[in-house]
N, C-alpha and C. Protein backbone atom coordinates (compact mmCIF):
# COMPACT_ATOMS: atom_id res chain seq x y z
N MET A 1 -30.87 -59.29 -23.80
CA MET A 1 -30.45 -58.76 -22.51
C MET A 1 -30.05 -57.29 -22.67
N ASN A 2 -29.43 -57.00 -23.83
CA ASN A 2 -29.06 -55.59 -24.06
C ASN A 2 -30.29 -54.69 -24.27
N HIS A 3 -31.36 -55.24 -24.88
CA HIS A 3 -32.58 -54.47 -25.01
C HIS A 3 -33.23 -54.13 -23.70
N VAL A 4 -33.20 -55.12 -22.75
CA VAL A 4 -33.76 -54.91 -21.46
C VAL A 4 -33.00 -53.77 -20.68
N TRP A 5 -31.66 -53.88 -20.83
CA TRP A 5 -30.75 -52.86 -20.12
C TRP A 5 -31.00 -51.44 -20.66
N LYS A 6 -31.18 -51.37 -22.04
CA LYS A 6 -31.43 -50.05 -22.66
C LYS A 6 -32.79 -49.51 -22.23
N ALA A 7 -33.77 -50.42 -22.07
CA ALA A 7 -35.11 -49.99 -21.64
C ALA A 7 -35.04 -49.42 -20.28
N VAL A 8 -34.26 -50.06 -19.35
CA VAL A 8 -34.17 -49.56 -17.99
C VAL A 8 -33.44 -48.23 -17.96
N GLN A 9 -32.37 -48.06 -18.79
CA GLN A 9 -31.74 -46.79 -18.86
C GLN A 9 -32.63 -45.65 -19.33
N LEU A 10 -33.43 -45.91 -20.35
CA LEU A 10 -34.39 -44.94 -20.89
C LEU A 10 -35.41 -44.61 -19.84
N GLU A 11 -35.91 -45.54 -19.07
CA GLU A 11 -36.90 -45.24 -18.10
C GLU A 11 -36.34 -44.39 -16.94
N ASN A 12 -35.09 -44.73 -16.55
CA ASN A 12 -34.44 -43.87 -15.52
C ASN A 12 -34.12 -42.47 -16.04
N ALA A 13 -33.81 -42.32 -17.30
CA ALA A 13 -33.53 -41.05 -17.89
C ALA A 13 -34.77 -40.19 -17.92
N GLU A 14 -35.96 -40.81 -18.18
CA GLU A 14 -37.18 -40.10 -18.27
C GLU A 14 -37.64 -39.62 -16.89
N LYS A 15 -37.27 -40.37 -15.88
CA LYS A 15 -37.62 -40.00 -14.50
C LYS A 15 -36.71 -38.89 -13.98
N SER A 16 -35.53 -38.72 -14.53
CA SER A 16 -34.60 -37.77 -14.01
C SER A 16 -34.85 -36.42 -14.66
N ASP A 17 -34.12 -35.33 -14.21
CA ASP A 17 -34.24 -33.98 -14.71
C ASP A 17 -33.26 -33.71 -15.83
N ILE A 18 -32.50 -34.69 -16.30
CA ILE A 18 -31.47 -34.45 -17.32
C ILE A 18 -32.14 -34.42 -18.70
N MET A 19 -31.82 -33.43 -19.47
CA MET A 19 -32.37 -33.33 -20.85
C MET A 19 -31.50 -34.16 -21.73
N ILE A 20 -32.14 -35.17 -22.39
CA ILE A 20 -31.37 -36.03 -23.33
C ILE A 20 -31.74 -35.84 -24.78
N GLU A 21 -32.62 -34.80 -25.00
CA GLU A 21 -33.00 -34.48 -26.39
C GLU A 21 -32.90 -32.99 -26.59
N SER A 22 -32.84 -32.58 -27.86
CA SER A 22 -32.72 -31.17 -28.17
C SER A 22 -34.03 -30.46 -27.87
N ASP A 23 -33.91 -29.17 -27.45
CA ASP A 23 -35.06 -28.41 -27.11
C ASP A 23 -34.93 -27.04 -27.76
N PRO A 24 -35.06 -26.94 -29.07
CA PRO A 24 -34.83 -25.66 -29.77
C PRO A 24 -36.01 -24.74 -29.63
N ALA A 25 -35.72 -23.42 -29.65
CA ALA A 25 -36.74 -22.42 -29.60
C ALA A 25 -37.40 -22.25 -30.91
N MET A 26 -36.74 -22.69 -32.00
CA MET A 26 -37.26 -22.56 -33.36
C MET A 26 -37.45 -23.99 -33.97
N SER A 27 -38.36 -24.08 -34.86
CA SER A 27 -38.50 -25.35 -35.58
C SER A 27 -37.49 -25.43 -36.70
N SER A 28 -37.58 -26.55 -37.44
CA SER A 28 -36.62 -26.74 -38.50
C SER A 28 -36.77 -25.77 -39.66
N VAL A 29 -37.96 -25.13 -39.70
CA VAL A 29 -38.21 -24.16 -40.84
C VAL A 29 -37.95 -22.75 -40.36
N GLY A 30 -37.40 -22.60 -39.16
CA GLY A 30 -36.99 -21.30 -38.65
C GLY A 30 -38.08 -20.46 -37.97
N GLU A 31 -39.20 -21.08 -37.62
CA GLU A 31 -40.29 -20.40 -36.93
C GLU A 31 -40.23 -20.65 -35.45
N ILE A 32 -40.49 -19.56 -34.66
CA ILE A 32 -40.47 -19.72 -33.21
C ILE A 32 -41.78 -20.34 -32.80
N THR A 33 -41.70 -21.50 -32.14
CA THR A 33 -42.90 -22.19 -31.77
C THR A 33 -43.07 -22.35 -30.23
N GLN A 34 -42.07 -21.91 -29.49
CA GLN A 34 -42.18 -22.00 -27.98
C GLN A 34 -41.50 -20.79 -27.40
N TYR A 35 -41.67 -20.62 -26.05
CA TYR A 35 -41.14 -19.45 -25.33
C TYR A 35 -41.62 -18.16 -25.96
N LEU A 36 -42.96 -18.10 -26.29
CA LEU A 36 -43.49 -16.95 -26.99
C LEU A 36 -43.92 -15.87 -25.97
N HIS A 37 -43.95 -14.63 -26.44
CA HIS A 37 -44.48 -13.58 -25.64
C HIS A 37 -46.04 -13.73 -25.47
N PRO A 38 -46.59 -13.24 -24.40
CA PRO A 38 -48.07 -13.42 -24.30
C PRO A 38 -48.82 -12.71 -25.43
N ALA A 39 -49.85 -13.38 -25.93
CA ALA A 39 -50.58 -12.82 -27.04
C ALA A 39 -51.75 -11.94 -26.49
N PRO A 40 -52.29 -11.05 -27.33
CA PRO A 40 -53.42 -10.24 -26.89
C PRO A 40 -54.58 -11.12 -26.39
N LYS A 41 -55.46 -10.46 -25.64
CA LYS A 41 -56.54 -11.18 -25.00
C LYS A 41 -57.53 -11.78 -26.06
N ASP A 42 -57.59 -11.10 -27.22
CA ASP A 42 -58.51 -11.58 -28.24
C ASP A 42 -57.94 -12.67 -29.18
N SER A 43 -56.73 -13.11 -28.81
CA SER A 43 -56.09 -14.11 -29.64
C SER A 43 -56.70 -15.47 -29.41
N THR A 44 -56.89 -16.21 -30.52
CA THR A 44 -57.48 -17.52 -30.45
C THR A 44 -56.43 -18.62 -30.56
N ILE A 45 -55.20 -18.17 -30.80
CA ILE A 45 -54.07 -19.11 -30.98
C ILE A 45 -53.50 -19.51 -29.65
N HIS A 46 -53.18 -18.44 -28.84
CA HIS A 46 -52.50 -18.68 -27.55
C HIS A 46 -53.43 -18.31 -26.41
N PRO A 47 -53.21 -18.91 -25.25
CA PRO A 47 -53.99 -18.56 -24.11
C PRO A 47 -53.70 -17.11 -23.63
N PRO A 48 -54.65 -16.46 -23.02
CA PRO A 48 -54.46 -15.06 -22.59
C PRO A 48 -53.30 -14.98 -21.52
N PRO A 49 -52.68 -13.81 -21.45
CA PRO A 49 -51.62 -13.68 -20.45
C PRO A 49 -52.10 -13.65 -19.02
N ALA A 50 -51.19 -13.62 -18.11
CA ALA A 50 -51.57 -13.63 -16.72
C ALA A 50 -52.24 -12.26 -16.37
N ASP A 51 -52.88 -12.19 -15.25
CA ASP A 51 -53.60 -10.96 -14.87
C ASP A 51 -52.56 -9.85 -14.69
N VAL A 52 -52.99 -8.70 -15.15
CA VAL A 52 -52.15 -7.47 -15.02
C VAL A 52 -53.03 -6.38 -14.44
N ASP A 53 -52.36 -5.32 -13.96
CA ASP A 53 -53.03 -4.14 -13.41
C ASP A 53 -53.98 -4.53 -12.25
N TYR A 54 -53.63 -5.54 -11.51
CA TYR A 54 -54.48 -5.93 -10.40
C TYR A 54 -54.16 -5.06 -9.16
N PHE A 55 -55.07 -5.03 -8.22
CA PHE A 55 -54.96 -4.21 -7.03
C PHE A 55 -53.88 -4.76 -6.08
N VAL A 56 -52.99 -3.85 -5.61
CA VAL A 56 -51.97 -4.24 -4.66
C VAL A 56 -52.21 -3.40 -3.40
N PRO A 57 -52.47 -4.06 -2.25
CA PRO A 57 -52.67 -3.35 -1.03
C PRO A 57 -51.49 -2.56 -0.56
N ASN A 58 -51.65 -1.40 0.05
CA ASN A 58 -50.60 -0.55 0.59
C ASN A 58 -50.63 -0.60 2.05
N PHE A 59 -49.59 -1.19 2.69
CA PHE A 59 -49.56 -1.31 4.08
C PHE A 59 -48.70 -0.17 4.76
N GLY A 60 -48.38 0.85 4.00
CA GLY A 60 -47.68 2.01 4.57
C GLY A 60 -46.20 1.72 4.52
N LYS A 61 -45.40 2.69 5.12
CA LYS A 61 -43.96 2.58 5.15
C LYS A 61 -43.48 1.47 6.05
N ASP A 62 -42.36 0.95 5.77
CA ASP A 62 -41.73 -0.09 6.59
C ASP A 62 -41.36 0.50 7.97
N PRO A 63 -41.63 -0.25 9.05
CA PRO A 63 -41.29 0.27 10.41
C PRO A 63 -39.82 0.66 10.58
N ASP A 64 -38.90 -0.11 9.88
CA ASP A 64 -37.50 0.26 9.96
C ASP A 64 -37.20 1.62 9.35
N MET A 65 -37.88 1.90 8.22
CA MET A 65 -37.72 3.16 7.54
C MET A 65 -38.27 4.29 8.40
N GLU A 66 -39.41 4.06 9.02
CA GLU A 66 -40.03 5.07 9.87
C GLU A 66 -39.12 5.34 11.06
N GLY A 67 -38.49 4.34 11.67
CA GLY A 67 -37.57 4.54 12.78
C GLY A 67 -36.33 5.29 12.36
N THR A 68 -35.80 4.98 11.12
CA THR A 68 -34.64 5.69 10.68
C THR A 68 -34.95 7.19 10.44
N MET A 69 -36.07 7.42 9.80
CA MET A 69 -36.38 8.85 9.55
C MET A 69 -36.61 9.63 10.84
N ASN A 70 -37.16 8.96 11.80
CA ASN A 70 -37.40 9.60 13.14
C ASN A 70 -36.04 9.90 13.82
N SER A 71 -35.14 8.93 13.74
CA SER A 71 -33.80 9.12 14.34
C SER A 71 -33.02 10.28 13.64
N LEU A 72 -33.22 10.36 12.33
CA LEU A 72 -32.59 11.41 11.56
C LEU A 72 -33.12 12.74 11.99
N LYS A 73 -34.39 12.91 12.20
CA LYS A 73 -34.95 14.19 12.62
C LYS A 73 -34.37 14.57 13.98
N ILE A 74 -34.29 13.63 14.89
CA ILE A 74 -33.77 13.91 16.24
C ILE A 74 -32.28 14.33 16.15
N ALA A 75 -31.52 13.66 15.30
CA ALA A 75 -30.08 14.04 15.18
C ALA A 75 -29.95 15.42 14.55
N GLU A 76 -30.77 15.76 13.54
CA GLU A 76 -30.67 17.11 12.92
C GLU A 76 -31.05 18.16 13.95
N LYS A 77 -32.04 17.86 14.83
CA LYS A 77 -32.44 18.87 15.79
C LYS A 77 -31.38 19.09 16.90
N MET A 78 -30.71 17.97 17.27
CA MET A 78 -29.71 18.08 18.34
C MET A 78 -28.50 18.80 17.80
N ASN A 79 -28.13 18.66 16.53
CA ASN A 79 -26.91 19.28 15.97
C ASN A 79 -27.24 20.60 15.20
N THR A 80 -28.54 20.95 15.19
CA THR A 80 -28.96 22.17 14.45
C THR A 80 -28.36 22.19 13.04
N HIS A 81 -28.47 21.02 12.39
CA HIS A 81 -27.91 20.92 11.04
C HIS A 81 -28.81 20.05 10.17
N LYS A 82 -29.12 20.48 9.00
CA LYS A 82 -29.97 19.75 8.09
C LYS A 82 -29.14 18.89 7.24
N LEU A 83 -29.35 17.58 7.25
CA LEU A 83 -28.61 16.65 6.44
C LEU A 83 -29.17 16.65 5.00
N ILE A 84 -28.35 17.02 4.04
CA ILE A 84 -28.77 17.09 2.64
C ILE A 84 -27.87 16.11 1.88
N MET A 85 -28.51 15.18 1.23
CA MET A 85 -27.80 14.18 0.46
C MET A 85 -28.41 13.95 -0.88
N GLY A 86 -27.61 13.66 -1.86
CA GLY A 86 -28.11 13.32 -3.23
C GLY A 86 -28.31 14.51 -4.15
N THR A 87 -28.16 15.73 -3.64
CA THR A 87 -28.36 16.89 -4.53
C THR A 87 -27.07 17.20 -5.29
N PRO A 88 -27.20 17.95 -6.37
CA PRO A 88 -25.95 18.31 -7.11
C PRO A 88 -24.98 19.11 -6.24
N GLU A 89 -25.47 19.93 -5.32
CA GLU A 89 -24.60 20.73 -4.46
C GLU A 89 -23.84 19.78 -3.48
N SER A 90 -24.55 18.84 -2.87
CA SER A 90 -23.92 17.93 -1.94
C SER A 90 -22.92 17.03 -2.60
N LYS A 91 -23.28 16.55 -3.81
CA LYS A 91 -22.36 15.68 -4.54
C LYS A 91 -21.10 16.43 -4.94
N ALA A 92 -21.21 17.74 -5.28
CA ALA A 92 -20.04 18.52 -5.61
C ALA A 92 -19.16 18.77 -4.35
N LYS A 93 -19.83 18.98 -3.22
CA LYS A 93 -19.12 19.30 -1.99
C LYS A 93 -18.30 18.10 -1.49
N TRP A 94 -18.91 16.90 -1.53
CA TRP A 94 -18.31 15.71 -1.00
C TRP A 94 -17.72 14.79 -2.07
N HIS A 95 -17.46 15.41 -3.23
CA HIS A 95 -16.90 14.62 -4.32
C HIS A 95 -15.51 14.15 -4.00
N ASN A 96 -15.21 12.90 -4.29
CA ASN A 96 -13.87 12.38 -4.10
C ASN A 96 -13.01 12.76 -5.27
N VAL A 97 -12.11 13.73 -5.09
CA VAL A 97 -11.26 14.26 -6.15
C VAL A 97 -10.27 13.18 -6.68
N ALA A 98 -9.93 12.28 -5.80
CA ALA A 98 -8.96 11.20 -6.24
C ALA A 98 -9.49 10.36 -7.30
N LYS A 99 -10.83 10.24 -7.42
CA LYS A 99 -11.41 9.39 -8.46
C LYS A 99 -11.40 10.09 -9.86
N ASP A 100 -11.10 11.38 -9.86
CA ASP A 100 -11.07 12.05 -11.17
C ASP A 100 -9.91 11.60 -12.02
N THR A 101 -8.79 11.22 -11.39
CA THR A 101 -7.67 10.74 -12.08
C THR A 101 -7.35 9.30 -11.70
N LEU A 102 -7.70 8.36 -12.56
CA LEU A 102 -7.54 6.95 -12.24
C LEU A 102 -6.08 6.59 -12.48
N TYR A 103 -5.60 5.68 -11.64
CA TYR A 103 -4.26 5.24 -11.77
C TYR A 103 -4.10 4.30 -12.95
N ASP A 104 -3.02 4.55 -13.69
CA ASP A 104 -2.76 3.67 -14.87
C ASP A 104 -1.90 2.47 -14.39
N TYR A 105 -2.53 1.33 -14.39
CA TYR A 105 -1.86 0.12 -13.93
C TYR A 105 -0.98 -0.54 -15.04
N ASN A 106 -1.07 -0.03 -16.24
CA ASN A 106 -0.27 -0.59 -17.33
C ASN A 106 0.35 0.58 -18.15
N PRO A 107 1.17 1.34 -17.55
CA PRO A 107 1.75 2.50 -18.29
C PRO A 107 2.76 2.00 -19.36
N SER A 108 2.92 2.83 -20.37
CA SER A 108 3.85 2.56 -21.41
C SER A 108 5.28 2.79 -20.88
N LEU A 109 6.22 2.06 -21.38
CA LEU A 109 7.63 2.19 -20.95
C LEU A 109 8.18 3.52 -21.32
N ASP A 110 9.09 4.06 -20.48
CA ASP A 110 9.80 5.25 -20.77
C ASP A 110 10.70 5.07 -22.03
N LYS A 111 10.91 6.11 -22.77
CA LYS A 111 11.76 6.01 -23.96
C LYS A 111 13.16 5.57 -23.63
N ASP A 112 13.67 5.97 -22.50
CA ASP A 112 15.02 5.54 -22.07
C ASP A 112 15.04 4.04 -21.78
N VAL A 113 13.92 3.54 -21.17
CA VAL A 113 13.90 2.08 -20.90
C VAL A 113 13.80 1.29 -22.17
N ILE A 114 13.01 1.79 -23.09
CA ILE A 114 12.88 1.07 -24.43
C ILE A 114 14.19 1.08 -25.13
N SER A 115 14.95 2.21 -25.09
CA SER A 115 16.23 2.28 -25.74
C SER A 115 17.28 1.37 -25.07
N THR A 116 17.21 1.31 -23.70
CA THR A 116 18.14 0.42 -22.93
C THR A 116 17.85 -1.07 -23.30
N ASN A 117 16.60 -1.46 -23.35
CA ASN A 117 16.23 -2.84 -23.65
C ASN A 117 16.68 -3.22 -25.08
N LYS A 118 16.57 -2.24 -25.98
CA LYS A 118 17.00 -2.50 -27.38
C LYS A 118 18.55 -2.69 -27.42
N HIS A 119 19.29 -1.85 -26.66
CA HIS A 119 20.73 -1.99 -26.67
C HIS A 119 21.20 -3.29 -26.02
N ILE A 120 20.51 -3.70 -24.97
CA ILE A 120 20.77 -4.93 -24.34
C ILE A 120 20.61 -6.17 -25.27
N ALA A 121 19.50 -6.09 -25.98
CA ALA A 121 19.23 -7.19 -26.90
C ALA A 121 20.24 -7.23 -28.01
N GLU A 122 20.68 -6.06 -28.52
CA GLU A 122 21.69 -6.03 -29.54
C GLU A 122 23.02 -6.49 -29.04
N ALA A 123 23.39 -6.17 -27.79
CA ALA A 123 24.67 -6.61 -27.22
C ALA A 123 24.60 -8.09 -26.97
N GLU A 124 23.57 -8.62 -26.47
CA GLU A 124 23.46 -10.08 -26.26
C GLU A 124 23.53 -10.85 -27.59
N ASP A 125 22.87 -10.30 -28.60
CA ASP A 125 22.95 -10.96 -29.90
C ASP A 125 24.37 -10.94 -30.46
N LYS A 126 25.11 -9.81 -30.23
CA LYS A 126 26.43 -9.71 -30.76
C LYS A 126 27.43 -10.53 -30.01
N LEU A 127 27.28 -10.62 -28.66
CA LEU A 127 28.21 -11.37 -27.83
C LEU A 127 27.86 -12.84 -27.77
N GLY A 128 26.59 -13.18 -28.03
CA GLY A 128 26.23 -14.60 -28.04
C GLY A 128 25.90 -15.15 -26.68
N PHE A 129 25.61 -14.36 -25.67
CA PHE A 129 25.17 -14.87 -24.36
C PHE A 129 24.29 -13.79 -23.69
N ALA A 130 23.45 -14.30 -22.74
CA ALA A 130 22.49 -13.41 -22.07
C ALA A 130 23.24 -12.64 -20.97
N MET A 131 22.87 -11.39 -20.79
CA MET A 131 23.51 -10.54 -19.77
C MET A 131 22.78 -10.63 -18.47
N VAL A 132 21.77 -11.42 -18.36
CA VAL A 132 21.00 -11.59 -17.11
C VAL A 132 21.52 -12.86 -16.43
N GLN A 133 21.81 -12.74 -15.12
CA GLN A 133 22.36 -13.87 -14.38
C GLN A 133 21.23 -14.93 -14.22
N LEU A 134 21.46 -16.08 -14.79
CA LEU A 134 20.42 -17.16 -14.77
C LEU A 134 20.79 -18.28 -13.81
N GLN A 135 22.01 -18.27 -13.18
CA GLN A 135 22.42 -19.30 -12.30
C GLN A 135 22.79 -18.76 -10.94
N ASP A 136 22.70 -19.55 -9.91
CA ASP A 136 23.06 -19.17 -8.55
C ASP A 136 24.53 -18.92 -8.49
N ASP A 137 24.88 -17.88 -7.66
CA ASP A 137 26.33 -17.56 -7.46
C ASP A 137 26.56 -17.35 -5.98
N PRO A 138 26.54 -18.47 -5.25
CA PRO A 138 26.66 -18.35 -3.75
C PRO A 138 28.08 -18.09 -3.33
N ALA A 139 28.23 -17.34 -2.23
CA ALA A 139 29.55 -17.12 -1.69
C ALA A 139 30.03 -18.29 -0.90
N MET A 140 29.13 -19.25 -0.55
CA MET A 140 29.50 -20.43 0.19
C MET A 140 29.14 -21.66 -0.60
N SER A 141 29.84 -22.72 -0.34
CA SER A 141 29.52 -23.97 -0.98
C SER A 141 28.38 -24.66 -0.25
N SER A 142 27.95 -25.82 -0.73
CA SER A 142 26.89 -26.54 -0.11
C SER A 142 27.24 -27.01 1.33
N LEU A 143 28.55 -27.04 1.62
CA LEU A 143 29.00 -27.42 2.97
C LEU A 143 29.05 -26.27 3.94
N GLY A 144 28.74 -25.07 3.43
CA GLY A 144 28.80 -23.92 4.30
C GLY A 144 30.17 -23.23 4.40
N GLU A 145 31.08 -23.64 3.50
CA GLU A 145 32.40 -23.07 3.49
C GLU A 145 32.54 -21.96 2.49
N VAL A 146 33.16 -20.86 2.85
CA VAL A 146 33.38 -19.75 1.93
C VAL A 146 34.48 -20.13 0.99
N THR A 147 34.09 -20.16 -0.29
CA THR A 147 35.06 -20.63 -1.33
C THR A 147 35.42 -19.51 -2.32
N GLN A 148 34.78 -18.39 -2.25
CA GLN A 148 35.08 -17.24 -3.14
C GLN A 148 34.87 -15.95 -2.47
N TYR A 149 35.33 -14.87 -3.11
CA TYR A 149 35.28 -13.54 -2.53
C TYR A 149 36.03 -13.52 -1.19
N LEU A 150 37.24 -14.20 -1.16
CA LEU A 150 37.98 -14.33 0.11
C LEU A 150 38.81 -13.05 0.33
N HIS A 151 39.06 -12.77 1.59
CA HIS A 151 39.98 -11.72 1.94
C HIS A 151 41.41 -12.12 1.65
N PRO A 152 42.31 -11.23 1.24
CA PRO A 152 43.68 -11.64 0.96
C PRO A 152 44.37 -12.20 2.17
N GLY A 153 45.22 -13.15 1.98
CA GLY A 153 46.00 -13.75 3.07
C GLY A 153 47.02 -12.73 3.60
N PRO A 154 47.68 -13.11 4.73
CA PRO A 154 48.63 -12.15 5.39
C PRO A 154 49.83 -11.81 4.51
N LYS A 155 50.24 -12.69 3.66
CA LYS A 155 51.45 -12.46 2.82
C LYS A 155 51.05 -12.20 1.36
N GLU A 156 49.80 -12.32 1.03
CA GLU A 156 49.39 -12.15 -0.33
C GLU A 156 49.21 -10.66 -0.65
N LYS A 157 49.51 -10.29 -1.84
CA LYS A 157 49.30 -8.89 -2.29
C LYS A 157 48.64 -8.97 -3.71
N PRO A 158 47.32 -9.23 -3.70
CA PRO A 158 46.67 -9.42 -4.97
C PRO A 158 46.53 -8.10 -5.78
N TYR A 159 46.78 -6.98 -5.15
CA TYR A 159 46.71 -5.72 -5.86
C TYR A 159 47.70 -4.73 -5.27
N PRO A 160 48.15 -3.69 -6.05
CA PRO A 160 49.13 -2.80 -5.54
C PRO A 160 48.77 -2.12 -4.22
N MET A 161 49.75 -1.99 -3.36
CA MET A 161 49.50 -1.41 -2.07
C MET A 161 50.63 -0.39 -1.76
N ASN A 162 50.34 0.58 -0.85
CA ASN A 162 51.35 1.53 -0.39
C ASN A 162 51.96 2.34 -1.56
N TYR A 163 51.16 2.57 -2.57
CA TYR A 163 51.71 3.36 -3.69
C TYR A 163 51.54 4.88 -3.42
N VAL A 164 52.30 5.71 -4.11
CA VAL A 164 52.32 7.14 -3.95
C VAL A 164 51.06 7.76 -4.53
N VAL A 165 50.42 8.59 -3.70
CA VAL A 165 49.25 9.35 -4.14
C VAL A 165 49.60 10.81 -4.25
N PRO A 166 49.52 11.37 -5.47
CA PRO A 166 49.92 12.79 -5.62
C PRO A 166 49.01 13.69 -4.86
N ASN A 167 49.55 14.82 -4.37
CA ASN A 167 48.83 15.84 -3.60
C ASN A 167 48.70 17.05 -4.49
N PHE A 168 47.47 17.31 -4.93
CA PHE A 168 47.21 18.49 -5.80
C PHE A 168 46.78 19.73 -4.97
N GLY A 169 46.97 19.70 -3.65
CA GLY A 169 46.62 20.82 -2.87
C GLY A 169 45.17 20.84 -2.45
N VAL A 170 44.77 21.97 -1.77
CA VAL A 170 43.38 22.13 -1.33
C VAL A 170 42.40 22.22 -2.47
N ASP A 171 41.28 21.63 -2.33
CA ASP A 171 40.27 21.67 -3.41
C ASP A 171 39.87 23.11 -3.65
N GLN A 172 39.62 23.39 -4.92
CA GLN A 172 39.32 24.80 -5.28
C GLN A 172 38.01 25.29 -4.65
N GLU A 173 37.01 24.43 -4.40
CA GLU A 173 35.83 24.80 -3.71
C GLU A 173 36.06 25.27 -2.30
N ILE A 174 36.98 24.54 -1.62
CA ILE A 174 37.34 24.94 -0.27
C ILE A 174 38.10 26.25 -0.26
N LEU A 175 38.98 26.47 -1.25
CA LEU A 175 39.64 27.77 -1.36
C LEU A 175 38.69 28.92 -1.58
N ASP A 176 37.67 28.71 -2.42
CA ASP A 176 36.73 29.76 -2.63
C ASP A 176 35.87 30.04 -1.43
N TYR A 177 35.55 29.01 -0.67
CA TYR A 177 34.78 29.19 0.58
C TYR A 177 35.62 30.01 1.56
N GLN A 178 36.84 29.68 1.72
CA GLN A 178 37.74 30.40 2.67
C GLN A 178 37.87 31.84 2.29
N SER A 179 37.99 32.08 0.97
CA SER A 179 38.15 33.47 0.46
C SER A 179 36.88 34.25 0.73
N ASN A 180 35.73 33.66 0.47
CA ASN A 180 34.45 34.35 0.68
C ASN A 180 34.22 34.65 2.22
N LEU A 181 34.64 33.70 3.02
CA LEU A 181 34.50 33.89 4.44
C LEU A 181 35.36 35.04 4.98
N ALA A 182 36.58 35.13 4.43
CA ALA A 182 37.48 36.24 4.85
C ALA A 182 36.95 37.56 4.43
N LYS A 183 36.34 37.68 3.20
CA LYS A 183 35.80 38.94 2.74
C LYS A 183 34.60 39.34 3.60
N THR A 184 33.79 38.35 3.96
CA THR A 184 32.60 38.67 4.78
C THR A 184 33.02 39.13 6.16
N GLU A 185 33.96 38.52 6.75
CA GLU A 185 34.46 38.91 8.07
C GLU A 185 35.05 40.30 8.04
N ALA A 186 35.76 40.67 6.96
CA ALA A 186 36.37 41.99 6.85
C ALA A 186 35.26 43.05 6.68
N GLU A 187 34.19 42.74 5.87
CA GLU A 187 33.10 43.74 5.72
C GLU A 187 32.31 43.97 6.99
N LEU A 188 32.06 42.87 7.72
CA LEU A 188 31.31 42.94 8.96
C LEU A 188 32.12 43.37 10.16
N GLY A 189 33.42 43.23 10.05
CA GLY A 189 34.28 43.55 11.19
C GLY A 189 34.14 42.59 12.36
N LYS A 190 33.83 41.37 12.01
CA LYS A 190 33.58 40.39 13.05
C LYS A 190 34.15 39.07 12.58
N LYS A 191 34.80 38.39 13.58
CA LYS A 191 35.44 37.09 13.28
C LYS A 191 34.40 35.95 13.51
N PHE A 192 34.28 35.24 12.50
CA PHE A 192 33.28 34.09 12.58
C PHE A 192 33.97 32.91 13.36
N ASN A 193 33.48 32.65 14.54
CA ASN A 193 34.03 31.61 15.43
C ASN A 193 32.90 30.80 15.99
N PRO A 194 32.36 29.86 15.24
CA PRO A 194 31.22 29.07 15.79
C PRO A 194 31.66 28.16 16.90
N LYS A 195 30.76 28.02 17.90
CA LYS A 195 31.07 27.16 19.06
C LYS A 195 29.88 26.26 19.27
N LEU A 196 30.12 25.05 19.66
CA LEU A 196 29.08 24.09 19.95
C LEU A 196 28.94 24.01 21.47
N LYS A 197 27.71 23.76 21.88
CA LYS A 197 27.44 23.59 23.32
C LYS A 197 28.12 22.24 23.73
N GLU A 198 28.56 22.24 24.97
CA GLU A 198 29.07 20.97 25.47
C GLU A 198 27.99 19.92 25.54
N ASP A 199 26.78 20.35 25.94
CA ASP A 199 25.64 19.39 26.03
C ASP A 199 24.45 20.06 25.31
N PRO A 200 24.38 19.93 24.01
CA PRO A 200 23.31 20.64 23.26
C PRO A 200 21.92 20.12 23.56
N HIS A 201 21.80 18.88 24.08
CA HIS A 201 20.49 18.31 24.35
C HIS A 201 20.37 18.01 25.86
N ASP A 202 19.13 18.21 26.30
CA ASP A 202 18.83 17.94 27.71
C ASP A 202 18.93 16.44 27.98
N THR A 203 19.64 16.08 28.98
CA THR A 203 19.78 14.61 29.34
C THR A 203 19.42 14.52 30.84
N ASP A 204 19.29 13.30 31.23
CA ASP A 204 19.01 12.98 32.62
C ASP A 204 17.76 13.75 33.15
N TYR A 205 16.75 13.91 32.24
CA TYR A 205 15.56 14.59 32.72
C TYR A 205 14.66 13.58 33.36
N LYS A 206 13.74 14.12 34.20
CA LYS A 206 12.84 13.33 35.00
C LYS A 206 11.72 12.75 34.09
N VAL A 207 11.54 11.46 34.16
CA VAL A 207 10.47 10.79 33.44
C VAL A 207 9.38 10.37 34.43
N PRO A 208 8.16 10.82 34.27
CA PRO A 208 7.09 10.49 35.18
C PRO A 208 6.79 8.95 35.10
N ASN A 209 6.43 8.42 36.23
CA ASN A 209 6.12 6.99 36.37
C ASN A 209 4.61 6.90 36.52
N PHE A 210 3.95 6.40 35.52
CA PHE A 210 2.52 6.20 35.53
C PHE A 210 2.09 4.80 36.02
N GLY A 211 3.02 4.06 36.51
CA GLY A 211 2.66 2.70 37.00
C GLY A 211 2.71 1.64 35.89
N VAL A 212 2.34 0.45 36.26
CA VAL A 212 2.35 -0.65 35.28
C VAL A 212 1.24 -0.49 34.24
N ASP A 213 1.53 -0.77 33.02
CA ASP A 213 0.58 -0.62 31.96
C ASP A 213 -0.59 -1.63 32.20
């Protein structure tokens, strides 16, 4: 029964287009025996090649090309301009300068970035933990209640409040500005007194109505 089944499989395989055997271009001794180039006509080993240098009829230019060339002539005459394409001059004139410098999609890291990454790695190794946040840190719990970053209560004082702030006087830059302004006013004999318009921008202007869009 097994022999019959194998015979049926072999018959079906021969009828199909599936290659079930090796098909080498060379024989076992290393000689090319198939897929050969055509041999000369006087060869007695291989059949002559297909016909070459045979006559090919010329049916003229394609009608679409003829129509395109005719339309081009009409457009050049209407615009009094000769369309020149493919010459070195036209290529130089219409050259895309942006293509001269291609964008580097994989640039090398800046030396400051390399130094920073090195310092981070050394600090993590010394401290024994990663400095990158790897876990979620929500302000609310899964119930939607705020459980951290809370505002202080009405009676709580989590940090010093109402403490004395020393007054070191007017900033030196402001003092220099006031001194320079006074000297300029004395030299020009004019008091600098800038005034702003009450209404520097036009308002309540008429907007034309062009109807419904």
